[in-house]
Amino acid sequence: MKKIKNESALLKKALTVAEGYAVKRGYKAFSPNDSAKQKIESLYRLLVHDKLIPPLPEDKEDLASLKHRLVMWISSKLPADHELLR
């Protein structure tokens, strides 16, 4: 898996955008007590279910791969000149 520049900031952006999408879809917002791992996995599964991102093979579904998939998703959604992609 190739390291992406600004990966942590892109992940934060991906979680924000995906959580907004989930709320618009009718899901309740995450509570402050929910761990980052729970948020990442839940949002990944929602995006896969809605066919917005391709699923990972089941044997490769670890936290790092889920994060990477979310980062790749948000990278494709941002404009090419966005500050996080520089």
N, C-alpha and C. Protein backbone atom coordinates (compact mmCIF):
# COMPACT_ATOMS: atom_id res chain seq x y z
N MET A 1 0.85 -1.16 0.00
CA MET A 1 0.00 0.00 0.00
C MET A 1 0.90 1.24 0.00
N LYS A 2 0.71 2.10 -0.97
CA LYS A 2 1.54 3.29 -1.12
C LYS A 2 1.11 4.37 -0.13
N LYS A 3 2.09 4.98 0.53
CA LYS A 3 1.81 6.07 1.46
C LYS A 3 1.38 7.29 0.66
N ILE A 4 0.34 7.94 1.11
CA ILE A 4 -0.21 9.10 0.42
C ILE A 4 0.13 10.35 1.22
N LYS A 5 0.52 11.40 0.51
CA LYS A 5 0.82 12.66 1.16
C LYS A 5 -0.45 13.21 1.81
N ASN A 6 -0.33 13.75 3.00
CA ASN A 6 -1.45 14.30 3.77
C ASN A 6 -2.51 13.25 4.09
N GLU A 7 -2.11 12.01 4.28
CA GLU A 7 -3.07 10.93 4.49
C GLU A 7 -3.94 11.15 5.72
N SER A 8 -3.36 11.61 6.81
CA SER A 8 -4.16 11.79 8.03
C SER A 8 -5.19 12.91 7.85
N ALA A 9 -4.80 14.00 7.17
CA ALA A 9 -5.75 15.08 6.92
C ALA A 9 -6.83 14.64 5.94
N LEU A 10 -6.45 13.84 4.95
CA LEU A 10 -7.43 13.32 3.99
C LEU A 10 -8.41 12.37 4.68
N LEU A 11 -7.90 11.55 5.60
CA LEU A 11 -8.78 10.64 6.34
C LEU A 11 -9.78 11.44 7.18
N LYS A 12 -9.32 12.49 7.82
CA LYS A 12 -10.21 13.33 8.61
C LYS A 12 -11.30 13.94 7.73
N LYS A 13 -10.91 14.42 6.55
CA LYS A 13 -11.86 14.99 5.60
C LYS A 13 -12.85 13.91 5.13
N ALA A 14 -12.34 12.71 4.84
CA ALA A 14 -13.19 11.61 4.39
C ALA A 14 -14.23 11.25 5.45
N LEU A 15 -13.81 11.22 6.71
CA LEU A 15 -14.74 10.89 7.78
C LEU A 15 -15.81 11.96 7.92
N THR A 16 -15.42 13.21 7.79
CA THR A 16 -16.38 14.31 7.88
C THR A 16 -17.40 14.23 6.75
N VAL A 17 -16.93 14.05 5.53
CA VAL A 17 -17.82 13.99 4.37
C VAL A 17 -18.71 12.75 4.44
N ALA A 18 -18.13 11.60 4.77
CA ALA A 18 -18.90 10.36 4.85
C ALA A 18 -19.93 10.41 5.97
N GLU A 19 -19.57 11.03 7.09
CA GLU A 19 -20.53 11.13 8.18
C GLU A 19 -21.70 12.04 7.78
N GLY A 20 -21.41 13.12 7.08
CA GLY A 20 -22.48 13.98 6.57
C GLY A 20 -23.38 13.23 5.61
N TYR A 21 -22.78 12.41 4.76
CA TYR A 21 -23.55 11.58 3.83
C TYR A 21 -24.44 10.60 4.60
N ALA A 22 -23.89 9.99 5.64
CA ALA A 22 -24.66 9.02 6.43
C ALA A 22 -25.85 9.68 7.11
N VAL A 23 -25.65 10.87 7.63
CA VAL A 23 -26.75 11.58 8.30
C VAL A 23 -27.84 11.93 7.28
N LYS A 24 -27.44 12.35 6.09
CA LYS A 24 -28.43 12.65 5.04
C LYS A 24 -29.19 11.40 4.62
N ARG A 25 -28.54 10.25 4.74
CA ARG A 25 -29.19 8.98 4.39
C ARG A 25 -30.13 8.50 5.49
N GLY A 26 -30.13 9.20 6.65
CA GLY A 26 -31.06 8.85 7.71
C GLY A 26 -30.42 8.18 8.91
N TYR A 27 -29.11 8.01 8.89
CA TYR A 27 -28.44 7.44 10.05
C TYR A 27 -28.26 8.50 11.11
N LYS A 28 -28.29 8.08 12.36
CA LYS A 28 -28.05 9.05 13.42
C LYS A 28 -26.56 9.38 13.45
N ALA A 29 -26.23 10.56 13.92
CA ALA A 29 -24.84 10.98 13.99
C ALA A 29 -24.10 10.12 15.02
N PHE A 30 -22.81 10.01 14.85
CA PHE A 30 -22.00 9.28 15.81
C PHE A 30 -21.93 10.06 17.12
N SER A 31 -21.86 9.34 18.20
CA SER A 31 -21.71 9.99 19.50
C SER A 31 -20.23 10.22 19.77
N PRO A 32 -19.92 11.14 20.67
CA PRO A 32 -18.51 11.38 21.01
C PRO A 32 -17.83 10.15 21.63
N ASN A 33 -18.62 9.21 22.12
CA ASN A 33 -18.07 8.01 22.74
C ASN A 33 -17.66 6.95 21.73
N ASP A 34 -18.10 7.09 20.48
CA ASP A 34 -17.75 6.11 19.45
C ASP A 34 -16.27 6.24 19.10
N SER A 35 -15.60 5.12 19.01
CA SER A 35 -14.18 5.15 18.69
C SER A 35 -13.97 5.44 17.21
N ALA A 36 -12.77 5.87 16.88
CA ALA A 36 -12.43 6.15 15.48
C ALA A 36 -12.54 4.87 14.65
N LYS A 37 -12.17 3.75 15.25
CA LYS A 37 -12.25 2.47 14.53
C LYS A 37 -13.70 2.15 14.16
N GLN A 38 -14.62 2.38 15.09
CA GLN A 38 -16.04 2.13 14.82
C GLN A 38 -16.55 3.03 13.70
N LYS A 39 -16.17 4.30 13.74
CA LYS A 39 -16.60 5.23 12.70
C LYS A 39 -16.06 4.82 11.34
N ILE A 40 -14.79 4.49 11.29
CA ILE A 40 -14.16 4.11 10.02
C ILE A 40 -14.83 2.88 9.44
N GLU A 41 -15.03 1.87 10.26
CA GLU A 41 -15.64 0.64 9.77
C GLU A 41 -17.09 0.86 9.34
N SER A 42 -17.84 1.59 10.13
CA SER A 42 -19.24 1.84 9.80
C SER A 42 -19.39 2.64 8.50
N LEU A 43 -18.60 3.69 8.37
CA LEU A 43 -18.68 4.51 7.17
C LEU A 43 -18.19 3.76 5.94
N TYR A 44 -17.15 2.96 6.10
CA TYR A 44 -16.66 2.13 5.00
C TYR A 44 -17.78 1.19 4.53
N ARG A 45 -18.42 0.52 5.46
CA ARG A 45 -19.48 -0.43 5.10
C ARG A 45 -20.68 0.27 4.44
N LEU A 46 -21.02 1.47 4.89
CA LEU A 46 -22.10 2.22 4.27
C LEU A 46 -21.74 2.58 2.82
N LEU A 47 -20.53 3.06 2.61
CA LEU A 47 -20.11 3.44 1.26
C LEU A 47 -20.03 2.24 0.34
N VAL A 48 -19.61 1.10 0.86
CA VAL A 48 -19.59 -0.13 0.06
C VAL A 48 -21.02 -0.56 -0.26
N HIS A 49 -21.89 -0.51 0.74
CA HIS A 49 -23.29 -0.91 0.53
C HIS A 49 -23.95 -0.06 -0.54
N ASP A 50 -23.66 1.24 -0.54
CA ASP A 50 -24.24 2.15 -1.52
C ASP A 50 -23.47 2.17 -2.84
N LYS A 51 -22.47 1.29 -2.95
CA LYS A 51 -21.66 1.13 -4.16
C LYS A 51 -20.92 2.41 -4.55
N LEU A 52 -20.50 3.17 -3.54
CA LEU A 52 -19.70 4.36 -3.79
C LEU A 52 -18.21 4.05 -3.80
N ILE A 53 -17.84 2.94 -3.15
CA ILE A 53 -16.46 2.46 -3.20
C ILE A 53 -16.49 0.95 -3.37
N PRO A 54 -15.49 0.39 -4.03
CA PRO A 54 -15.45 -1.06 -4.18
C PRO A 54 -15.02 -1.72 -2.86
N PRO A 55 -15.58 -2.87 -2.56
CA PRO A 55 -15.21 -3.54 -1.30
C PRO A 55 -13.82 -4.16 -1.37
N LEU A 56 -13.20 -4.26 -0.22
CA LEU A 56 -11.94 -4.98 -0.10
C LEU A 56 -12.23 -6.47 0.04
N PRO A 57 -11.31 -7.32 -0.35
CA PRO A 57 -11.49 -8.75 -0.05
C PRO A 57 -11.59 -8.93 1.47
N GLU A 58 -12.40 -9.87 1.90
CA GLU A 58 -12.63 -10.05 3.34
C GLU A 58 -11.35 -10.29 4.12
N ASP A 59 -10.40 -10.99 3.54
CA ASP A 59 -9.15 -11.28 4.26
C ASP A 59 -8.22 -10.08 4.34
N LYS A 60 -8.56 -9.00 3.67
CA LYS A 60 -7.72 -7.79 3.68
C LYS A 60 -8.41 -6.63 4.41
N GLU A 61 -9.50 -6.89 5.10
CA GLU A 61 -10.23 -5.84 5.80
C GLU A 61 -9.63 -5.57 7.17
N ASP A 62 -8.47 -4.92 7.19
CA ASP A 62 -7.91 -4.46 8.45
C ASP A 62 -8.06 -2.95 8.52
N LEU A 63 -7.79 -2.38 9.67
CA LEU A 63 -8.04 -0.96 9.88
C LEU A 63 -7.23 -0.10 8.91
N ALA A 64 -5.98 -0.45 8.68
CA ALA A 64 -5.13 0.34 7.77
C ALA A 64 -5.70 0.33 6.35
N SER A 65 -6.20 -0.81 5.91
CA SER A 65 -6.77 -0.91 4.56
C SER A 65 -8.07 -0.13 4.45
N LEU A 66 -8.89 -0.16 5.50
CA LEU A 66 -10.13 0.61 5.49
C LEU A 66 -9.84 2.11 5.42
N LYS A 67 -8.86 2.55 6.21
CA LYS A 67 -8.47 3.95 6.19
C LYS A 67 -7.99 4.33 4.79
N HIS A 68 -7.13 3.49 4.22
CA HIS A 68 -6.58 3.77 2.90
C HIS A 68 -7.70 3.86 1.85
N ARG A 69 -8.67 2.98 1.93
CA ARG A 69 -9.78 2.99 0.97
C ARG A 69 -10.59 4.28 1.09
N LEU A 70 -10.81 4.74 2.33
CA LEU A 70 -11.53 6.00 2.53
C LEU A 70 -10.72 7.19 2.01
N VAL A 71 -9.42 7.16 2.21
CA VAL A 71 -8.56 8.23 1.71
C VAL A 71 -8.58 8.26 0.19
N MET A 72 -8.53 7.10 -0.44
CA MET A 72 -8.57 7.03 -1.90
C MET A 72 -9.92 7.55 -2.41
N TRP A 73 -11.00 7.23 -1.70
CA TRP A 73 -12.33 7.69 -2.08
C TRP A 73 -12.42 9.21 -2.05
N ILE A 74 -11.98 9.81 -0.94
CA ILE A 74 -12.09 11.27 -0.83
C ILE A 74 -11.14 11.94 -1.80
N SER A 75 -10.00 11.35 -2.07
CA SER A 75 -9.05 11.93 -3.02
C SER A 75 -9.67 12.03 -4.41
N SER A 76 -10.50 11.06 -4.75
CA SER A 76 -11.14 11.08 -6.07
C SER A 76 -12.30 12.07 -6.13
N LYS A 77 -12.83 12.46 -4.98
CA LYS A 77 -13.97 13.38 -4.92
C LYS A 77 -13.56 14.85 -4.85
N LEU A 78 -12.35 15.11 -4.37
CA LEU A 78 -11.89 16.48 -4.23
C LEU A 78 -11.41 17.02 -5.57
N PRO A 79 -11.52 18.34 -5.78
CA PRO A 79 -10.99 18.92 -7.02
C PRO A 79 -9.47 18.74 -7.09
N ALA A 80 -8.94 18.66 -8.27
CA ALA A 80 -7.50 18.39 -8.46
C ALA A 80 -6.61 19.44 -7.80
N ASP A 81 -7.10 20.67 -7.68
CA ASP A 81 -6.28 21.72 -7.09
C ASP A 81 -6.55 21.92 -5.59
N HIS A 82 -7.24 21.00 -4.95
CA HIS A 82 -7.54 21.11 -3.51
C HIS A 82 -6.23 21.08 -2.73
N GLU A 83 -6.17 21.86 -1.65
CA GLU A 83 -4.94 22.00 -0.87
C GLU A 83 -4.44 20.68 -0.29
N LEU A 84 -5.33 19.74 0.04
CA LEU A 84 -4.91 18.47 0.62
C LEU A 84 -4.27 17.54 -0.42
N LEU A 85 -4.48 17.80 -1.68
CA LEU A 85 -3.92 16.94 -2.73
C LEU A 85 -2.58 17.45 -3.25
N ARG A 86 -2.11 18.56 -2.75
CA ARG A 86 -0.82 19.11 -3.19
C ARG A 86 0.34 18.45 -2.51
